[in-house]
Amino acid sequence: MSSSIPLTEEDLHDLYVWVDEIPLSKPKRNIARDFSDGVCVAEILKHYFPKLVEIHNFPATNSSKQKISNWETINGRILRKLHFEVPAVEIQDIVAAVPGAIERFLRALRTKITQIKNIQEQKMLTRDDNNDDEAGLYGGHHHAAAVYRPPSSSTVVTARPHVAAPLPTSAGATNRAALSSASSGRGGPIRPPPVARSDNNDYNNDIPSSTQGLRKLLEEKDLTILELRESIALLTDKVGRMEDLMRVKDEKIARYKQQLGR
């Protein structure tokens, strides 16, 4: 969960505002008591991850045993899939409505949700960027770029190497005569030379293969970066949970010492 940094009044205010923005089945009057059975937490998770949560698995209850059962279900069926877990000690404190326990959990949960959403947005942006690159390389349509289009008739006529035989007239006169012949129907349609079409076809075939390889390499690199960031976030959460666990143990040891001192 989160680190052992205490929550300030501003932190608590932001946290309560975040909770109020989420539709819950009951109003928040005493957050420690209202959230102790885990139902509201399940509703928060349902709000952000609707496919992971089935609300009917979390009955509202005043029984401590059922409250713990609800939290164990949250841990096993939902949070574990998010690489996030509530320590048993924290569950005991939340069920007992220990002041500050639910706030610490909600702060950690909000941080985890934000991390997951950021990763999802980055993946979506990566896909959008790849689509934009593909549209730029292929003129906006991937399949259209792979279709070979023969050169236009004007291109063929002005290509001097393909004139059948030299004439005494100039190149411009030759072109005008060829165009006039094509338009009047005497010369028949002007077809692209085989050599020119072969060269252009080879060139168009080379473009997709090279760009697809580059695009695939970039996608793999972006996914690797996202996975590493997620691993760092998970390790940070684990360190935070250990710190919280140590803090709780220290507090209990201090309470036991005070009781023994009396």
Protein backbone atom coordinates (compact mmCIF):
# COMPACT_ATOMS: atom_id res chain seq x y z
CA MET A 1 0.00 0.00 0.00
CA SER A 2 1.11 3.59 0.38
CA SER A 3 4.04 4.78 2.41
CA SER A 4 3.83 5.60 6.09
CA ILE A 5 3.72 9.36 5.45
CA PRO A 6 0.85 10.67 7.61
CA LEU A 7 -2.13 12.27 5.92
CA THR A 8 -2.46 16.02 6.32
CA GLU A 9 -5.76 17.87 6.48
CA GLU A 10 -5.36 18.72 2.80
CA ASP A 11 -4.69 15.06 1.96
CA LEU A 12 -7.82 14.01 3.82
CA HIS A 13 -9.90 16.67 2.10
CA ASP A 14 -8.70 15.57 -1.35
CA LEU A 15 -9.35 11.95 -0.43
CA TYR A 16 -12.89 12.64 0.74
CA VAL A 17 -13.61 14.68 -2.38
CA TRP A 18 -12.40 11.76 -4.52
CA VAL A 19 -14.68 9.36 -2.61
CA ASP A 20 -17.66 11.72 -2.94
CA GLU A 21 -17.23 11.79 -6.73
CA ILE A 22 -17.90 8.03 -6.90
CA PRO A 23 -21.55 6.88 -6.74
CA LEU A 24 -21.98 4.73 -3.63
CA SER A 25 -25.02 2.90 -2.29
CA LYS A 26 -24.96 4.79 1.00
CA PRO A 27 -23.86 8.29 2.03
CA LYS A 28 -20.54 8.80 3.77
CA ARG A 29 -21.28 9.86 7.34
CA ASN A 30 -18.62 8.07 9.37
CA ILE A 31 -16.10 6.79 6.85
CA ALA A 32 -14.36 4.42 9.26
CA ARG A 33 -17.64 2.70 10.14
CA ASP A 34 -19.27 2.95 6.70
CA PHE A 35 -16.30 1.37 4.91
CA SER A 36 -15.51 -1.28 7.51
CA ASP A 37 -17.50 -4.06 5.81
CA GLY A 38 -15.78 -3.53 2.44
CA VAL A 39 -19.01 -2.93 0.49
CA CYS A 40 -18.18 0.68 -0.40
CA VAL A 41 -14.66 -0.34 -1.39
CA ALA A 42 -16.12 -3.00 -3.69
CA GLU A 43 -18.34 -0.31 -5.23
CA ILE A 44 -15.32 1.93 -5.82
CA LEU A 45 -13.53 -0.93 -7.54
CA LYS A 46 -16.68 -1.68 -9.54
CA HIS A 47 -16.72 1.95 -10.68
CA TYR A 48 -13.18 1.75 -12.10
CA PHE A 49 -12.99 -1.95 -13.03
CA PRO A 50 -16.56 -3.08 -13.72
CA LYS A 51 -15.56 -6.43 -15.19
CA LEU A 52 -13.68 -7.50 -12.07
CA VAL A 53 -16.39 -6.92 -9.46
CA GLU A 54 -19.72 -8.59 -8.72
CA ILE A 55 -21.37 -6.55 -6.01
CA HIS A 56 -23.67 -9.36 -4.88
CA ASN A 57 -20.60 -11.10 -3.43
CA PHE A 58 -20.30 -8.38 -0.77
CA PRO A 59 -23.27 -8.25 1.62
CA ALA A 60 -23.61 -5.33 4.01
CA THR A 61 -23.10 -6.56 7.55
CA ASN A 62 -22.33 -5.61 11.13
CA SER A 63 -20.67 -8.96 11.87
CA SER A 64 -16.91 -8.75 12.21
CA LYS A 65 -16.58 -12.24 10.79
CA GLN A 66 -18.54 -11.35 7.65
CA LYS A 67 -16.65 -8.07 7.29
CA ILE A 68 -13.36 -9.97 7.27
CA SER A 69 -14.83 -12.41 4.75
CA ASN A 70 -15.78 -9.49 2.49
CA TRP A 71 -12.26 -8.09 2.67
CA GLU A 72 -10.71 -11.48 1.98
CA THR A 73 -12.92 -11.72 -1.12
CA ILE A 74 -11.78 -8.26 -2.19
CA ASN A 75 -8.18 -9.31 -1.72
CA GLY A 76 -8.44 -12.66 -3.50
CA ARG A 77 -10.80 -11.91 -6.37
CA ILE A 78 -10.07 -8.28 -7.21
CA LEU A 79 -6.98 -6.66 -5.73
CA ARG A 80 -4.72 -9.61 -6.45
CA LYS A 81 -5.51 -9.26 -10.14
CA LEU A 82 -4.37 -5.65 -9.88
CA HIS A 83 -1.12 -6.72 -8.15
CA PHE A 84 -2.33 -5.04 -4.98
CA GLU A 85 -3.23 -6.54 -1.62
CA VAL A 86 -4.30 -5.47 1.86
CA PRO A 87 -2.25 -7.00 4.69
CA ALA A 88 -4.20 -8.99 7.25
CA VAL A 89 -3.19 -6.54 9.98
CA GLU A 90 -4.66 -3.65 7.99
CA ILE A 91 -7.87 -5.60 7.42
CA GLN A 92 -8.22 -6.10 11.16
CA ASP A 93 -7.77 -2.36 11.77
CA ILE A 94 -10.24 -1.41 9.03
CA VAL A 95 -12.87 -3.87 10.31
CA ALA A 96 -12.37 -2.52 13.84
CA ALA A 97 -12.78 1.04 12.47
CA VAL A 98 -9.41 2.11 13.85
CA PRO A 99 -9.07 5.86 13.11
CA GLY A 100 -6.94 6.50 10.02
CA ALA A 101 -6.90 2.87 8.84
CA ILE A 102 -9.41 3.23 6.01
CA GLU A 103 -7.88 6.54 4.94
CA ARG A 104 -4.46 4.93 4.56
CA PHE A 105 -5.98 2.16 2.48
CA LEU A 106 -7.99 4.54 0.27
CA ARG A 107 -4.93 6.69 -0.35
CA ALA A 108 -2.99 3.61 -1.49
CA LEU A 109 -5.93 2.42 -3.58
CA ARG A 110 -6.31 5.77 -5.32
CA THR A 111 -2.58 5.79 -6.11
CA LYS A 112 -2.82 2.28 -7.58
CA ILE A 113 -5.87 3.15 -9.67
CA THR A 114 -4.10 6.22 -11.01
CA GLN A 115 -1.05 4.15 -11.97
CA ILE A 116 -3.18 1.58 -13.78
CA LYS A 117 -5.13 4.25 -15.65
CA ASN A 118 -1.91 6.01 -16.67
CA ILE A 119 -0.50 2.77 -18.05
CA GLN A 120 -3.71 2.12 -19.97
CA GLU A 121 -3.67 5.64 -21.40
CA GLN A 122 -0.04 5.30 -22.44
CA LYS A 123 -0.83 2.05 -24.24
CA MET A 124 -3.73 3.72 -26.03
CA LEU A 125 -1.54 6.66 -27.01
CA THR A 126 1.09 4.25 -28.29
CA ARG A 127 -1.49 2.54 -30.48
CA ASP A 128 -2.79 5.92 -31.69
CA ASP A 129 0.74 7.07 -32.53
CA ASN A 130 1.36 3.89 -34.48
CA ASN A 131 -1.87 4.40 -36.38
CA ASP A 132 -0.89 8.00 -37.14
CA ASP A 133 2.52 6.88 -38.38
CA GLU A 134 0.91 4.23 -40.51
CA ALA A 135 -1.54 6.76 -41.96
CA GLY A 136 1.32 9.11 -42.79
CA LEU A 137 3.38 6.40 -44.46
CA TYR A 138 0.52 4.92 -46.45
CA GLY A 139 -1.43 8.05 -47.27
CA GLY A 140 -4.03 7.46 -44.56
CA HIS A 141 -4.99 3.93 -45.70
CA HIS A 142 -2.72 0.97 -45.19
CA HIS A 143 -4.20 -1.19 -47.94
CA ALA A 144 -4.38 1.58 -50.50
CA ALA A 145 -0.63 2.10 -50.40
CA ALA A 146 0.12 -1.49 -51.38
CA VAL A 147 -1.86 -1.19 -54.65
CA TYR A 148 0.25 -0.43 -57.65
CA ARG A 149 -0.98 2.47 -59.81
CA PRO A 150 0.52 2.70 -63.32
CA PRO A 151 1.90 6.04 -64.42
CA SER A 152 -0.46 8.43 -66.21
CA SER A 153 -0.40 8.80 -69.96
CA SER A 154 1.25 12.22 -69.77
CA THR A 155 4.09 10.72 -67.76
CA VAL A 156 4.70 8.07 -70.39
CA VAL A 157 4.54 10.48 -73.30
CA THR A 158 7.10 12.85 -71.84
CA ALA A 159 9.50 10.00 -71.00
CA ARG A 160 11.96 10.40 -73.85
CA PRO A 161 13.74 6.98 -73.53
CA HIS A 162 10.47 5.28 -74.48
CA VAL A 163 9.95 7.07 -77.86
CA ALA A 164 9.85 4.37 -80.54
CA ALA A 165 12.07 6.08 -83.10
CA PRO A 166 13.72 9.52 -83.37
CA LEU A 167 11.86 11.97 -85.56
CA PRO A 168 13.16 15.19 -87.06
CA THR A 169 10.71 17.19 -85.02
CA SER A 170 11.48 18.39 -81.52
CA ALA A 171 10.62 16.45 -78.35
CA GLY A 172 7.77 18.85 -77.64
CA ALA A 173 6.31 18.33 -81.13
CA THR A 174 6.61 14.57 -80.69
CA ASN A 175 4.72 14.75 -77.41
CA ARG A 176 1.98 16.91 -78.93
CA ALA A 177 1.59 14.53 -81.85
CA ALA A 178 1.34 11.55 -79.53
CA LEU A 179 -1.29 13.26 -77.41
CA SER A 180 -3.25 14.32 -80.49
CA SER A 181 -3.15 10.79 -81.82
CA ALA A 182 -4.36 9.35 -78.50
CA SER A 183 -7.21 11.88 -78.20
CA SER A 184 -8.43 11.32 -81.74
CA GLY A 185 -8.44 7.53 -81.34
CA ARG A 186 -6.05 6.82 -84.22
CA GLY A 187 -3.17 5.81 -82.07
CA GLY A 188 -5.08 3.77 -79.47
CA PRO A 189 -4.59 4.05 -75.71
CA ILE A 190 -1.16 4.86 -74.40
CA ARG A 191 0.00 2.10 -72.07
CA PRO A 192 2.77 2.32 -69.46
CA PRO A 193 6.07 0.77 -70.45
CA PRO A 194 6.71 -2.59 -68.75
CA VAL A 195 10.06 -1.46 -67.39
CA ALA A 196 8.61 1.58 -65.63
CA ARG A 197 5.80 -0.43 -64.06
CA SER A 198 8.17 -3.09 -62.80
CA ASP A 199 10.40 -0.50 -61.14
CA ASN A 200 7.51 1.27 -59.46
CA ASN A 201 5.94 -1.98 -58.31
CA ASP A 202 9.19 -3.13 -56.69
CA TYR A 203 9.51 0.19 -54.91
CA ASN A 204 5.98 0.05 -53.52
CA ASN A 205 6.53 -3.49 -52.31
CA ASP A 206 9.69 -2.48 -50.49
CA ILE A 207 8.00 0.28 -48.47
CA PRO A 208 5.57 -1.82 -46.40
CA SER A 209 8.16 -4.43 -45.46
CA SER A 210 10.65 -1.90 -44.10
CA THR A 211 8.10 0.25 -42.26
CA GLN A 212 6.31 -2.73 -40.77
CA GLY A 213 9.56 -3.97 -39.29
CA LEU A 214 10.33 -0.55 -37.83
CA ARG A 215 6.82 -0.18 -36.45
CA LYS A 216 6.95 -3.60 -34.82
CA LEU A 217 10.30 -2.77 -33.22
CA LEU A 218 8.91 0.49 -31.80
CA GLU A 219 5.82 -1.26 -30.44
CA GLU A 220 7.94 -3.88 -28.68
CA LYS A 221 10.12 -1.16 -27.18
CA ASP A 222 7.12 0.82 -25.92
CA LEU A 223 5.58 -2.28 -24.36
CA THR A 224 8.86 -3.10 -22.63
CA ILE A 225 8.99 0.41 -21.16
CA LEU A 226 5.41 0.15 -19.91
CA GLU A 227 6.06 -3.24 -18.33
CA LEU A 228 9.14 -1.91 -16.56
CA ARG A 229 7.19 1.07 -15.24
CA GLU A 230 4.49 -1.25 -13.95
CA SER A 231 7.10 -3.43 -12.26
CA ILE A 232 8.59 -0.37 -10.57
CA ALA A 233 5.13 0.67 -9.38
CA LEU A 234 4.48 -2.79 -7.96
CA LEU A 235 7.80 -2.85 -6.15
CA THR A 236 7.11 0.62 -4.75
CA ASP A 237 3.74 -0.58 -3.47
CA LYS A 238 5.34 -3.61 -1.84
CA VAL A 239 7.88 -1.40 -0.08
CA GLY A 240 5.06 0.84 1.08
CA ARG A 241 3.10 -2.11 2.43
CA MET A 242 6.14 -3.33 4.35
CA GLU A 243 6.62 0.13 5.81
CA ASP A 244 2.98 0.28 6.87
CA LEU A 245 3.26 -3.17 8.40
CA MET A 246 6.37 -2.16 10.36
CA ARG A 247 4.65 1.02 11.50
CA VAL A 248 1.60 -0.90 12.73
CA LYS A 249 3.81 -3.36 14.59
CA ASP A 250 5.76 -0.52 16.19
CA GLU A 251 2.52 1.11 17.31
CA LYS A 252 1.29 -2.12 18.85
CA ILE A 253 4.62 -2.70 20.59
CA ALA A 254 4.41 0.84 21.98
CA ARG A 255 0.87 0.20 23.25
CA TYR A 256 1.93 -3.07 24.89
CA LYS A 257 4.84 -1.32 26.57
CA GLN A 258 2.49 1.33 27.93
CA GLN A 259 0.15 -1.31 29.25
CA LEU A 260 3.00 -3.20 30.88
CA GLY A 261 4.34 0.02 32.35
CA ARG A 262 1.05 0.63 34.07
